[in-house]
PDB file of N, CA and C in Angstrom:
ATOM      1  N   MET A   1       0.838  -1.170   0.000  1.00  0.00           N
ATOM      2  CA  MET A   1       0.000   0.000   0.000  1.00  0.00           C
ATOM      3  C   MET A   1       0.885   1.235   0.000  1.00  0.00           C
ATOM      4  N   SER A   2       0.662   2.097  -0.932  1.00  0.00           N
ATOM      5  CA  SER A   2       1.402   3.349  -0.930  1.00  0.00           C
ATOM      6  C   SER A   2       0.438   4.479  -1.246  1.00  0.00           C
ATOM      7  N   ASP A   3       0.821   5.648  -0.840  1.00  0.00           N
ATOM      8  CA  ASP A   3      -0.016   6.820  -0.998  1.00  0.00           C
ATOM      9  C   ASP A   3       0.871   7.947  -1.509  1.00  0.00           C
ATOM     10  N   ASN A   4       0.415   8.699  -2.493  1.00  0.00           N
ATOM     11  CA  ASN A   4       1.177   9.830  -3.019  1.00  0.00           C
ATOM     12  C   ASN A   4       0.613  11.127  -2.460  1.00  0.00           C
ATOM     13  N   TRP A   5       1.492  12.053  -2.116  1.00  0.00           N
ATOM     14  CA  TRP A   5       1.066  13.373  -1.687  1.00  0.00           C
ATOM     15  C   TRP A   5       2.114  14.382  -2.106  1.00  0.00           C
ATOM     16  N   MET A   6       1.689  15.604  -2.289  1.00  0.00           N
ATOM     17  CA  MET A   6       2.559  16.655  -2.811  1.00  0.00           C
ATOM     18  C   MET A   6       3.162  17.466  -1.667  1.00  0.00           C
ATOM     19  N   THR A   7       4.445  17.749  -1.793  1.00  0.00           N
ATOM     20  CA  THR A   7       5.134  18.642  -0.874  1.00  0.00           C
ATOM     21  C   THR A   7       5.701  19.781  -1.697  1.00  0.00           C
ATOM     22  N   LYS A   8       6.346  20.727  -1.041  1.00  0.00           N
ATOM     23  CA  LYS A   8       6.941  21.825  -1.788  1.00  0.00           C
ATOM     24  C   LYS A   8       8.133  21.355  -2.616  1.00  0.00           C
ATOM     25  N   TYR A   9       8.644  20.148  -2.325  1.00  0.00           N
ATOM     26  CA  TYR A   9       9.758  19.581  -3.073  1.00  0.00           C
ATOM     27  C   TYR A   9       9.311  18.615  -4.162  1.00  0.00           C
ATOM     28  N   GLY A  10       8.014  18.398  -4.289  1.00  0.00           N
ATOM     29  CA  GLY A  10       7.496  17.504  -5.313  1.00  0.00           C
ATOM     30  C   GLY A  10       6.671  16.380  -4.707  1.00  0.00           C
ATOM     31  N   SER A  11       6.372  15.413  -5.534  1.00  0.00           N
ATOM     32  CA  SER A  11       5.534  14.297  -5.123  1.00  0.00           C
ATOM     33  C   SER A  11       6.326  13.329  -4.244  1.00  0.00           C
ATOM     34  N   ARG A  12       5.716  12.886  -3.159  1.00  0.00           N
ATOM     35  CA  ARG A  12       6.337  11.932  -2.246  1.00  0.00           C
ATOM     36  C   ARG A  12       5.401  10.743  -2.075  1.00  0.00           C
ATOM     37  N   ARG A  13       6.002   9.554  -1.991  1.00  0.00           N
ATOM     38  CA  ARG A  13       5.227   8.353  -1.754  1.00  0.00           C
ATOM     39  C   ARG A  13       5.425   7.909  -0.311  1.00  0.00           C
ATOM     40  N   VAL A  14       4.336   7.569   0.337  1.00  0.00           N
ATOM     41  CA  VAL A  14       4.384   7.076   1.702  1.00  0.00           C
ATOM     42  C   VAL A  14       3.908   5.633   1.673  1.00  0.00           C
ATOM     43  N   ARG A  15       4.705   4.756   2.228  1.00  0.00           N
ATOM     44  CA  ARG A  15       4.359   3.346   2.240  1.00  0.00           C
ATOM     45  C   ARG A  15       3.776   2.994   3.598  1.00  0.00           C
ATOM     46  N   ARG A  16       2.628   2.391   3.576  1.00  0.00           N
ATOM     47  CA  ARG A  16       1.962   1.985   4.814  1.00  0.00           C
ATOM     48  C   ARG A  16       1.766   0.479   4.782  1.00  0.00           C
ATOM     49  N   ASP A  17       2.470  -0.209   5.651  1.00  0.00           N
ATOM     50  CA  ASP A  17       2.363  -1.652   5.745  1.00  0.00           C
ATOM     51  C   ASP A  17       1.702  -2.016   7.062  1.00  0.00           C
ATOM     52  N   PRO A  18       0.684  -2.852   7.028  1.00  0.00           N
ATOM     53  CA  PRO A  18       0.117  -3.317   8.295  1.00  0.00           C
ATOM     54  C   PRO A  18       1.117  -4.229   8.990  1.00  0.00           C
ATOM     55  N   PRO A  19       1.022  -4.357  10.298  1.00  0.00           N
ATOM     56  CA  PRO A  19       1.971  -5.229  11.001  1.00  0.00           C
ATOM     57  C   PRO A  19       1.745  -6.687  10.616  1.00  0.00           C
ATOM     58  N   THR A  20       2.799  -7.480  10.709  1.00  0.00           N
ATOM     59  CA  THR A  20       2.640  -8.908  10.489  1.00  0.00           C
ATOM     60  C   THR A  20       1.960  -9.514  11.703  1.00  0.00           C
ATOM     61  N   LEU A  21       1.499 -10.732  11.564  1.00  0.00           N
ATOM     62  CA  LEU A  21       0.802 -11.374  12.675  1.00  0.00           C
ATOM     63  C   LEU A  21       1.738 -11.582  13.859  1.00  0.00           C
ATOM     64  N   GLU A  22       3.000 -11.917  13.581  1.00  0.00           N
ATOM     65  CA  GLU A  22       3.961 -12.101  14.668  1.00  0.00           C
ATOM     66  C   GLU A  22       4.205 -10.791  15.404  1.00  0.00           C
ATOM     67  N   GLU A  23       4.298  -9.688  14.663  1.00  0.00           N
ATOM     68  CA  GLU A  23       4.498  -8.377  15.297  1.00  0.00           C
ATOM     69  C   GLU A  23       3.296  -7.984  16.147  1.00  0.00           C
ATOM     70  N   ALA A  24       2.096  -8.268  15.649  1.00  0.00           N
ATOM     71  CA  ALA A  24       0.884  -7.926  16.393  1.00  0.00           C
ATOM     72  C   ALA A  24       0.789  -8.749  17.678  1.00  0.00           C
ATOM     73  N   ILE A  25       1.151 -10.029  17.601  1.00  0.00           N
ATOM     74  CA  ILE A  25       1.112 -10.875  18.794  1.00  0.00           C
ATOM     75  C   ILE A  25       2.171 -10.435  19.795  1.00  0.00           C
ATOM     76  N   PHE A  26       3.348 -10.087  19.306  1.00  0.00           N
ATOM     77  CA  PHE A  26       4.411  -9.600  20.193  1.00  0.00           C
ATOM     78  C   PHE A  26       3.978  -8.328  20.919  1.00  0.00           C
ATOM     79  N   ALA A  27       3.323  -7.424  20.200  1.00  0.00           N
ATOM     80  CA  ALA A  27       2.836  -6.195  20.827  1.00  0.00           C
ATOM     81  C   ALA A  27       1.765  -6.505  21.857  1.00  0.00           C
ATOM     82  N   ALA A  28       0.885  -7.448  21.551  1.00  0.00           N
ATOM     83  CA  ALA A  28      -0.172  -7.810  22.485  1.00  0.00           C
ATOM     84  C   ALA A  28       0.400  -8.482  23.728  1.00  0.00           C
ATOM     85  N   MET A  29       1.470  -9.267  23.566  1.00  0.00           N
ATOM     86  CA  MET A  29       2.099  -9.913  24.714  1.00  0.00           C
ATOM     87  C   MET A  29       2.731  -8.884  25.642  1.00  0.00           C
ATOM     88  N   GLY A  30       3.173  -7.766  25.095  1.00  0.00           N
ATOM     89  CA  GLY A  30       3.733  -6.704  25.914  1.00  0.00           C
ATOM     90  C   GLY A  30       2.686  -5.946  26.695  1.00  0.00           C
ATOM     91  N   ILE A  31       1.432  -6.002  26.242  1.00  0.00           N
ATOM     92  CA  ILE A  31       0.361  -5.261  26.903  1.00  0.00           C
ATOM     93  C   ILE A  31      -0.273  -6.075  28.024  1.00  0.00           C
ATOM     94  N   THR A  32      -0.536  -7.352  27.757  1.00  0.00           N
ATOM     95  CA  THR A  32      -1.234  -8.172  28.740  1.00  0.00           C
ATOM     96  C   THR A  32      -0.683  -9.595  28.752  1.00  0.00           C
ATOM     97  N   ASP A  33      -0.932 -10.306  29.853  1.00  0.00           N
ATOM     98  CA  ASP A  33      -0.500 -11.696  29.983  1.00  0.00           C
ATOM     99  C   ASP A  33      -1.612 -12.679  29.643  1.00  0.00           C
ATOM    100  N   ASN A  34      -2.831 -12.220  29.562  1.00  0.00           N
ATOM    101  CA  ASN A  34      -3.976 -13.075  29.270  1.00  0.00           C
ATOM    102  C   ASN A  34      -3.996 -13.412  27.780  1.00  0.00           C
ATOM    103  N   ALA A  35      -4.047 -14.713  27.442  1.00  0.00           N
ATOM    104  CA  ALA A  35      -3.984 -15.143  26.051  1.00  0.00           C
ATOM    105  C   ALA A  35      -5.212 -14.702  25.250  1.00  0.00           C
ATOM    106  N   GLU A  36      -6.383 -14.701  25.878  1.00  0.00           N
ATOM    107  CA  GLU A  36      -7.601 -14.285  25.169  1.00  0.00           C
ATOM    108  C   GLU A  36      -7.534 -12.798  24.796  1.00  0.00           C
ATOM    109  N   GLU A  37      -7.058 -11.995  25.736  1.00  0.00           N
ATOM    110  CA  GLU A  37      -6.926 -10.559  25.454  1.00  0.00           C
ATOM    111  C   GLU A  37      -5.846 -10.306  24.403  1.00  0.00           C
ATOM    112  N   GLN A  38      -4.776 -11.096  24.443  1.00  0.00           N
ATOM    113  CA  GLN A  38      -3.732 -10.968  23.429  1.00  0.00           C
ATOM    114  C   GLN A  38      -4.293 -11.254  22.046  1.00  0.00           C
ATOM    115  N   ALA A  39      -5.125 -12.276  21.942  1.00  0.00           N
ATOM    116  CA  ALA A  39      -5.729 -12.622  20.656  1.00  0.00           C
ATOM    117  C   ALA A  39      -6.646 -11.508  20.170  1.00  0.00           C
ATOM    118  N   GLU A  40      -7.415 -10.921  21.076  1.00  0.00           N
ATOM    119  CA  GLU A  40      -8.309  -9.822  20.695  1.00  0.00           C
ATOM    120  C   GLU A  40      -7.519  -8.608  20.213  1.00  0.00           C
ATOM    121  N   ILE A  41      -6.449  -8.277  20.923  1.00  0.00           N
ATOM    122  CA  ILE A  41      -5.632  -7.123  20.535  1.00  0.00           C
ATOM    123  C   ILE A  41      -4.977  -7.354  19.184  1.00  0.00           C
ATOM    124  N   ALA A  42      -4.394  -8.540  18.989  1.00  0.00           N
ATOM    125  CA  ALA A  42      -3.721  -8.846  17.727  1.00  0.00           C
ATOM    126  C   ALA A  42      -4.722  -8.885  16.577  1.00  0.00           C
ATOM    127  N   ALA A  43      -5.917  -9.420  16.814  1.00  0.00           N
ATOM    128  CA  ALA A  43      -6.936  -9.468  15.767  1.00  0.00           C
ATOM    129  C   ALA A  43      -7.390  -8.067  15.378  1.00  0.00           C
ATOM    130  N   SER A  44      -7.496  -7.179  16.355  1.00  0.00           N
ATOM    131  CA  SER A  44      -7.912  -5.807  16.034  1.00  0.00           C
ATOM    132  C   SER A  44      -6.814  -5.054  15.285  1.00  0.00           C
ATOM    133  N   LEU A  45      -5.551  -5.342  15.616  1.00  0.00           N
ATOM    134  CA  LEU A  45      -4.453  -4.700  14.888  1.00  0.00           C
ATOM    135  C   LEU A  45      -4.374  -5.174  13.442  1.00  0.00           C
ATOM    136  N   MET A  46      -4.626  -6.468  13.238  1.00  0.00           N
ATOM    137  CA  MET A  46      -4.479  -7.057  11.916  1.00  0.00           C
ATOM    138  C   MET A  46      -5.748  -6.974  11.084  1.00  0.00           C
ATOM    139  N   GLY A  47      -6.905  -6.869  11.728  1.00  0.00           N
ATOM    140  CA  GLY A  47      -8.160  -6.895  10.999  1.00  0.00           C
ATOM    141  C   GLY A  47      -8.522  -8.315  10.571  1.00  0.00           C
ATOM    142  N   LEU A  48      -8.087  -9.298  11.342  1.00  0.00           N
ATOM    143  CA  LEU A  48      -8.358 -10.704  11.063  1.00  0.00           C
ATOM    144  C   LEU A  48      -9.423 -11.218  12.011  1.00  0.00           C
ATOM    145  N   PRO A  49     -10.061 -12.337  11.665  1.00  0.00           N
ATOM    146  CA  PRO A  49     -11.028 -12.925  12.604  1.00  0.00           C
ATOM    147  C   PRO A  49     -10.334 -13.458  13.849  1.00  0.00           C
ATOM    148  N   LEU A  50     -11.039 -13.417  14.949  1.00  0.00           N
ATOM    149  CA  LEU A  50     -10.470 -13.793  16.239  1.00  0.00           C
ATOM    150  C   LEU A  50     -10.042 -15.257  16.270  1.00  0.00           C
ATOM    151  N   ALA A  51     -10.800 -16.134  15.633  1.00  0.00           N
ATOM    152  CA  ALA A  51     -10.484 -17.572  15.666  1.00  0.00           C
ATOM    153  C   ALA A  51      -9.146 -17.868  15.001  1.00  0.00           C
ATOM    154  N   ALA A  52      -8.832 -17.155  13.928  1.00  0.00           N
ATOM    155  CA  ALA A  52      -7.566 -17.388  13.224  1.00  0.00           C
ATOM    156  C   ALA A  52      -6.379 -16.927  14.054  1.00  0.00           C
ATOM    157  N   VAL A  53      -6.564 -15.878  14.814  1.00  0.00           N
ATOM    158  CA  VAL A  53      -5.466 -15.327  15.609  1.00  0.00           C
ATOM    159  C   VAL A  53      -5.258 -16.136  16.887  1.00  0.00           C
ATOM    160  N   GLN A  54      -6.330 -16.704  17.446  1.00  0.00           N
ATOM    161  CA  GLN A  54      -6.218 -17.453  18.691  1.00  0.00           C
ATOM    162  C   GLN A  54      -5.292 -18.654  18.552  1.00  0.00           C
ATOM    163  N   THR A  55      -5.329 -19.329  17.420  1.00  0.00           N
ATOM    164  CA  THR A  55      -4.447 -20.488  17.239  1.00  0.00           C
ATOM    165  C   THR A  55      -2.985 -20.073  17.225  1.00  0.00           C
ATOM    166  N   GLU A  56      -2.692 -18.948  16.584  1.00  0.00           N
ATOM    167  CA  GLU A  56      -1.309 -18.464  16.543  1.00  0.00           C
ATOM    168  C   GLU A  56      -0.843 -17.999  17.920  1.00  0.00           C
ATOM    169  N   VAL A  57      -1.727 -17.375  18.678  1.00  0.00           N
ATOM    170  CA  VAL A  57      -1.369 -16.919  20.024  1.00  0.00           C
ATOM    171  C   VAL A  57      -1.056 -18.118  20.910  1.00  0.00           C
ATOM    172  N   ARG A  58      -1.821 -19.187  20.769  1.00  0.00           N
ATOM    173  CA  ARG A  58      -1.550 -20.394  21.550  1.00  0.00           C
ATOM    174  C   ARG A  58      -0.197 -20.985  21.209  1.00  0.00           C
ATOM    175  N   LYS A  59       0.146 -21.001  19.924  1.00  0.00           N
ATOM    176  CA  LYS A  59       1.448 -21.529  19.499  1.00  0.00           C
ATOM    177  C   LYS A  59       2.582 -20.704  20.090  1.00  0.00           C
ATOM    178  N   VAL A  60       2.452 -19.387  20.015  1.00  0.00           N
ATOM    179  CA  VAL A  60       3.499 -18.503  20.519  1.00  0.00           C
ATOM    180  C   VAL A  60       3.603 -18.598  22.038  1.00  0.00           C
ATOM    181  N   SER A  61       2.466 -18.717  22.718  1.00  0.00           N
ATOM    182  CA  SER A  61       2.508 -18.788  24.184  1.00  0.00           C
ATOM    183  C   SER A  61       3.146 -20.092  24.650  1.00  0.00           C
ATOM    184  N   ARG A  62       2.986 -21.181  23.891  1.00  0.00           N
ATOM    185  CA  ARG A  62       3.642 -22.442  24.252  1.00  0.00           C
ATOM    186  C   ARG A  62       5.154 -22.320  24.132  1.00  0.00           C
ATOM    187  N   THR A  63       5.624 -21.698  23.071  1.00  0.00           N
ATOM    188  CA  THR A  63       7.077 -21.543  22.918  1.00  0.00           C
ATOM    189  C   THR A  63       7.629 -20.545  23.920  1.00  0.00           C
ATOM    190  N   ALA A  64       6.860 -19.522  24.262  1.00  0.00           N
ATOM    191  CA  ALA A  64       7.324 -18.541  25.247  1.00  0.00           C
ATOM    192  C   ALA A  64       7.373 -19.155  26.642  1.00  0.00           C
ATOM    193  N   ALA A  65       6.490 -20.098  26.921  1.00  0.00           N
ATOM    194  CA  ALA A  65       6.489 -20.739  28.229  1.00  0.00           C
ATOM    195  C   ALA A  65       7.709 -21.636  28.395  1.00  0.00           C
ATOM    196  N   ARG A  66       8.209 -22.185  27.310  1.00  0.00           N
ATOM    197  CA  ARG A  66       9.388 -23.057  27.381  1.00  0.00           C
ATOM    198  C   ARG A  66      10.667 -22.277  27.641  1.00  0.00           C
ATOM    199  N   THR A  67      10.742 -21.069  27.124  1.00  0.00           N
ATOM    200  CA  THR A  67      11.970 -20.289  27.255  1.00  0.00           C
ATOM    201  C   THR A  67      11.860 -19.378  28.471  1.00  0.00           C
ATOM    202  N   GLN A  68      12.452 -19.802  29.570  1.00  0.00           N
ATOM    203  CA  GLN A  68      12.483 -19.002  30.778  1.00  0.00           C
ATOM    204  C   GLN A  68      13.926 -18.783  31.172  1.00  0.00           C
ATOM    205  N   GLN A  69      14.201 -17.612  31.672  1.00  0.00           N
ATOM    206  CA  GLN A  69      15.542 -17.312  32.131  1.00  0.00           C
ATOM    207  C   GLN A  69      15.631 -17.602  33.622  1.00  0.00           C
ATOM    208  N   VAL A  70      16.618 -18.382  33.988  1.00  0.00           N
ATOM    209  CA  VAL A  70      16.811 -18.740  35.385  1.00  0.00           C
ATOM    210  C   VAL A  70      18.160 -18.196  35.819  1.00  0.00           C
ATOM    211  N   ILE A  71      18.168 -17.491  36.920  1.00  0.00           N
ATOM    212  CA  ILE A  71      19.409 -16.971  37.472  1.00  0.00           C
ATOM    213  C   ILE A  71      19.850 -17.932  38.564  1.00  0.00           C
ATOM    214  N   ALA A  72      21.006 -18.532  38.337  1.00  0.00           N
ATOM    215  CA  ALA A  72      21.508 -19.511  39.298  1.00  0.00           C
ATOM    216  C   ALA A  72      22.095 -18.787  40.500  1.00  0.00           C
ATOM    217  N   GLY A  73      21.918 -19.353  41.633  1.00  0.00           N
ATOM    218  CA  GLY A  73      22.464 -18.777  42.855  1.00  0.00           C
ATOM    219  C   GLY A  73      21.550 -19.051  44.024  1.00  0.00           C
ATOM    220  N   GLU A  74      21.993 -18.657  45.163  1.00  0.00           N
ATOM    221  CA  GLU A  74      21.207 -18.877  46.366  1.00  0.00           C
ATOM    222  C   GLU A  74      20.143 -17.799  46.479  1.00  0.00           C
ATOM    223  N   PRO A  75      18.960 -18.153  46.957  1.00  0.00           N
ATOM    224  CA  PRO A  75      17.922 -17.142  47.119  1.00  0.00           C
ATOM    225  C   PRO A  75      18.321 -16.131  48.191  1.00  0.00           C
ATOM    226  N   GLY A  76      18.164 -14.890  47.898  1.00  0.00           N
ATOM    227  CA  GLY A  76      18.497 -13.835  48.852  1.00  0.00           C
ATOM    228  C   GLY A  76      19.936 -13.379  48.805  1.00  0.00           C
ATOM    229  N   ALA A  77      20.783 -14.080  48.047  1.00  0.00           N
ATOM    230  CA  ALA A  77      22.192 -13.690  47.967  1.00  0.00           C
ATOM    231  C   ALA A  77      22.347 -12.556  46.957  1.00  0.00           C
ATOM    232  N   GLN A  78      23.301 -11.687  47.209  1.00  0.00           N
ATOM    233  CA  GLN A  78      23.545 -10.589  46.285  1.00  0.00           C
ATOM    234  C   GLN A  78      24.329 -11.097  45.084  1.00  0.00           C
ATOM    235  N   ARG A  79      24.000 -10.538  43.925  1.00  0.00           N
ATOM    236  CA  ARG A  79      24.699 -10.915  42.710  1.00  0.00           C
ATOM    237  C   ARG A  79      25.899 -10.008  42.515  1.00  0.00           C
ATOM    238  N   THR A  80      26.950 -10.567  41.990  1.00  0.00           N
ATOM    239  CA  THR A  80      28.162  -9.809  41.732  1.00  0.00           C
ATOM    240  C   THR A  80      28.172  -9.379  40.276  1.00  0.00           C
ATOM    241  N   VAL A  81      28.442  -8.106  40.057  1.00  0.00           N
ATOM    242  CA  VAL A  81      28.530  -7.571  38.706  1.00  0.00           C
ATOM    243  C   VAL A  81      29.951  -7.075  38.504  1.00  0.00           C
ATOM    244  N   VAL A  82      30.591  -7.535  37.435  1.00  0.00           N
ATOM    245  CA  VAL A  82      31.957  -7.131  37.127  1.00  0.00           C
ATOM    246  C   VAL A  82      31.907  -6.240  35.897  1.00  0.00           C
ATOM    247  N   VAL A  83      32.469  -5.036  36.009  1.00  0.00           N
ATOM    248  CA  VAL A  83      32.518  -4.094  34.899  1.00  0.00           C
ATOM    249  C   VAL A  83      33.981  -3.905  34.522  1.00  0.00           C
ATOM    250  N   GLU A  84      34.289  -4.186  33.287  1.00  0.00           N
ATOM    251  CA  GLU A  84      35.651  -4.020  32.806  1.00  0.00           C
ATOM    252  C   GLU A  84      35.681  -2.901  31.788  1.00  0.00           C
ATOM    253  N   ARG A  85      36.690  -2.093  31.873  1.00  0.00           N
ATOM    254  CA  ARG A  85      36.838  -0.996  30.932  1.00  0.00           C
ATOM    255  C   ARG A  85      37.695  -1.461  29.774  1.00  0.00           C
ATOM    256  N   ARG A  86      37.199  -1.243  28.572  1.00  0.00           N
ATOM    257  CA  ARG A  86      37.921  -1.654  27.388  1.00  0.00           C
ATOM    258  C   ARG A  86      38.801  -0.506  26.928  1.00  0.00           C
ATOM    259  N   THR A  87      40.078  -0.756  26.783  1.00  0.00           N
ATOM    260  CA  THR A  87      40.989   0.301  26.353  1.00  0.00           C
ATOM    261  C   THR A  87      40.891   0.469  24.850  1.00  0.00           C
ATOM    262  N   VAL A  88      41.076   1.694  24.416  1.00  0.00           N
ATOM    263  CA  VAL A  88      41.015   2.013  23.001  1.00  0.00           C
ATOM    264  C   VAL A  88      42.391   1.775  22.397  1.00  0.00           C
ATOM    265  N   ARG A  89      42.414   1.036  21.329  1.00  0.00           N
ATOM    266  CA  ARG A  89      43.672   0.731  20.672  1.00  0.00           C
ATOM    267  C   ARG A  89      44.020   1.881  19.713  1.00  0.00           C
ATOM    268  N   ARG A  90      45.158   2.489  19.911  1.00  0.00           N
ATOM    269  CA  ARG A  90      45.578   3.606  19.054  1.00  0.00           C
ATOM    270  C   ARG A  90      46.798   3.195  18.247  1.00  0.00           C
ATOM    271  N   PHE A  91      46.788   3.616  17.029  1.00  0.00           N
ATOM    272  CA  PHE A  91      47.889   3.287  16.129  1.00  0.00           C
ATOM    273  C   PHE A  91      48.848   4.465  16.032  1.00  0.00           C
ATOM    274  N   GLY A  92      50.068   4.194  15.613  1.00  0.00           N
ATOM    275  CA  GLY A  92      51.101   5.233  15.531  1.00  0.00           C
ATOM    276  C   GLY A  92      50.785   6.330  14.519  1.00  0.00           C
ATOM    277  N   ASN A  93      50.081   6.014  13.458  1.00  0.00           N
ATOM    278  CA  ASN A  93      49.764   7.019  12.441  1.00  0.00           C
ATOM    279  C   ASN A  93      48.424   7.690  12.694  1.00  0.00           C
ATOM    280  N   ASP A  94      47.858   7.512  13.864  1.00  0.00           N
ATOM    281  CA  ASP A  94      46.547   8.072  14.185  1.00  0.00           C
ATOM    282  C   ASP A  94      46.685   9.352  14.991  1.00  0.00           C
ATOM    283  N   ARG A  95      47.673  10.165  14.649  1.00  0.00           N
ATOM    284  CA  ARG A  95      47.894  11.422  15.375  1.00  0.00           C
ATOM    285  C   ARG A  95      47.265  12.569  14.646  1.00  0.00           C
ATOM    286  N   ARG A  96      46.934  13.568  15.392  1.00  0.00           N
ATOM    287  CA  ARG A  96      46.365  14.778  14.791  1.00  0.00           C
ATOM    288  C   ARG A  96      47.472  15.612  14.161  1.00  0.00           C
ATOM    289  N   PRO A  97      47.142  16.287  13.072  1.00  0.00           N
ATOM    290  CA  PRO A  97      48.185  17.146  12.455  1.00  0.00           C
ATOM    291  C   PRO A  97      48.518  18.338  13.350  1.00  0.00           C
ATOM    292  N   GLY A  98      49.790  18.693  13.390  1.00  0.00           N
ATOM    293  CA  GLY A  98      50.212  19.845  14.165  1.00  0.00           C
ATOM    294  C   GLY A  98      50.636  19.494  15.562  1.00  0.00           C
ATOM    295  N   MET A  99      50.672  18.246  15.934  1.00  0.00           N
ATOM    296  CA  MET A  99      51.055  17.880  17.308  1.00  0.00           C
ATOM    297  C   MET A  99      52.400  17.242  17.305  1.00  0.00           C
TER     298      MET A  99
END
């Protein structure tokens, strides 16, 4: 889908692409944790029937449930964070003129 409109510099084309189903589901997952509400939000973004979107939301929620991040360590223990400073490598010919 593209649309033409005139500016003082001439004709410009604006491209408008609807979100993909994966993008709509990802956005809905960021809004709510309820799968039914996610399906409704994604269906409204895409303009698709709710039944078609619900199956995709179920598939995505199953894969998202499998991938969990676990932080190993004792409960209540403080985590150690190490920050290292990276030195900048300078070459001999990288000098400013006049110095």
